[in-house]
N, C-alpha and C. Protein backbone atom coordinates (compact mmCIF):
# COMPACT_ATOMS: atom_id res chain seq x y z
N UNK A 1 34.74 -18.09 47.96
CA UNK A 1 34.17 -17.29 49.06
C UNK A 1 35.26 -16.59 49.86
N UNK A 2 36.48 -17.16 49.85
CA UNK A 2 37.55 -16.52 50.62
C UNK A 2 37.86 -15.12 50.09
N UNK A 3 37.80 -14.97 48.76
CA UNK A 3 38.07 -13.66 48.16
C UNK A 3 37.05 -12.63 48.62
N UNK A 4 35.79 -13.05 48.68
CA UNK A 4 34.72 -12.14 49.11
C UNK A 4 34.93 -11.75 50.58
N UNK A 5 35.31 -12.71 51.41
CA UNK A 5 35.55 -12.42 52.83
C UNK A 5 36.69 -11.41 52.98
N UNK A 6 37.74 -11.59 52.19
CA UNK A 6 38.87 -10.67 52.26
C UNK A 6 38.45 -9.27 51.83
N UNK A 7 37.66 -9.18 50.78
CA UNK A 7 37.18 -7.88 50.29
C UNK A 7 36.34 -7.18 51.35
N UNK A 8 35.48 -7.95 52.02
CA UNK A 8 34.63 -7.38 53.07
C UNK A 8 35.51 -6.88 54.23
N UNK A 9 36.53 -7.67 54.59
CA UNK A 9 37.42 -7.27 55.68
C UNK A 9 38.15 -5.98 55.34
N UNK A 10 38.63 -5.86 54.11
CA UNK A 10 39.33 -4.65 53.68
C UNK A 10 38.36 -3.46 53.69
N UNK A 11 37.16 -3.67 53.20
CA UNK A 11 36.16 -2.59 53.19
C UNK A 11 35.87 -2.12 54.61
N UNK A 12 35.77 -3.07 55.54
CA UNK A 12 35.50 -2.70 56.93
C UNK A 12 36.65 -1.89 57.50
N UNK A 13 37.88 -2.27 57.19
CA UNK A 13 39.04 -1.52 57.67
C UNK A 13 39.00 -0.09 57.13
N UNK A 14 38.69 0.05 55.85
CA UNK A 14 38.64 1.38 55.24
C UNK A 14 37.54 2.22 55.88
N UNK A 15 36.39 1.62 56.15
CA UNK A 15 35.29 2.34 56.79
C UNK A 15 35.72 2.77 58.20
N UNK A 16 36.40 1.89 58.94
CA UNK A 16 36.89 2.24 60.27
C UNK A 16 37.86 3.41 60.20
N UNK A 17 38.75 3.41 59.19
CA UNK A 17 39.71 4.49 59.04
C UNK A 17 39.00 5.81 58.76
N UNK A 18 37.99 5.77 57.88
CA UNK A 18 37.23 6.97 57.54
C UNK A 18 36.52 7.50 58.80
N UNK A 19 35.91 6.59 59.55
CA UNK A 19 35.21 6.99 60.77
C UNK A 19 36.20 7.60 61.75
N UNK A 20 37.39 7.01 61.85
CA UNK A 20 38.42 7.55 62.75
C UNK A 20 38.85 8.94 62.32
N UNK A 21 39.00 9.16 61.02
CA UNK A 21 39.39 10.48 60.52
C UNK A 21 38.32 11.50 60.84
N UNK A 22 37.05 11.13 60.65
CA UNK A 22 35.95 12.06 60.94
C UNK A 22 35.93 12.39 62.43
N UNK A 23 36.21 11.38 63.27
CA UNK A 23 36.25 11.59 64.71
C UNK A 23 37.36 12.56 65.07
N UNK A 24 38.55 12.38 64.46
CA UNK A 24 39.67 13.28 64.72
C UNK A 24 39.34 14.70 64.26
N UNK A 25 38.74 14.81 63.08
CA UNK A 25 38.37 16.14 62.57
C UNK A 25 37.40 16.83 63.51
N UNK A 26 36.48 16.07 64.07
CA UNK A 26 35.50 16.65 65.00
C UNK A 26 36.22 17.16 66.25
N UNK A 27 37.19 16.39 66.75
CA UNK A 27 37.96 16.82 67.92
C UNK A 27 38.73 18.10 67.59
N UNK A 28 39.39 18.12 66.42
CA UNK A 28 40.16 19.29 66.01
C UNK A 28 39.26 20.51 65.92
N UNK A 29 38.07 20.34 65.33
CA UNK A 29 37.12 21.45 65.23
C UNK A 29 36.72 21.96 66.61
N UNK A 30 36.50 21.03 67.53
CA UNK A 30 36.13 21.41 68.89
C UNK A 30 37.24 22.18 69.58
N UNK A 31 38.47 21.73 69.43
CA UNK A 31 39.62 22.41 70.03
C UNK A 31 39.77 23.81 69.43
N UNK A 32 39.60 23.88 68.10
CA UNK A 32 39.74 25.17 67.42
C UNK A 32 38.67 26.15 67.93
N UNK A 33 37.45 25.67 68.13
CA UNK A 33 36.37 26.51 68.64
C UNK A 33 36.70 27.00 70.05
N UNK A 34 37.24 26.11 70.88
CA UNK A 34 37.62 26.50 72.25
C UNK A 34 38.70 27.57 72.23
N UNK A 35 39.69 27.40 71.36
CA UNK A 35 40.77 28.38 71.26
C UNK A 35 40.23 29.73 70.79
N UNK A 36 39.35 29.70 69.79
CA UNK A 36 38.75 30.95 69.30
C UNK A 36 37.97 31.63 70.42
N UNK A 37 37.19 30.87 71.16
CA UNK A 37 36.42 31.45 72.28
C UNK A 37 37.36 32.10 73.29
N UNK A 38 38.46 31.43 73.60
CA UNK A 38 39.41 31.96 74.58
C UNK A 38 40.01 33.28 74.09
N UNK A 39 40.30 33.37 72.80
CA UNK A 39 40.91 34.59 72.27
C UNK A 39 39.91 35.72 72.14
N UNK A 40 38.64 35.40 71.86
CA UNK A 40 37.64 36.46 71.67
C UNK A 40 37.25 37.11 72.98
N UNK A 41 37.41 36.40 74.09
CA UNK A 41 37.01 36.96 75.38
C UNK A 41 38.10 37.82 76.00
């Protein structure tokens, strides 16, 4: 069972990393949109 627990822990870490990357991408997209708006006006 220890092996299964370790696998689950690793999977959770990878999911957290993916979620973090998506969060960062969303922030970057938001900043890019703000910059574009500033330049278009």
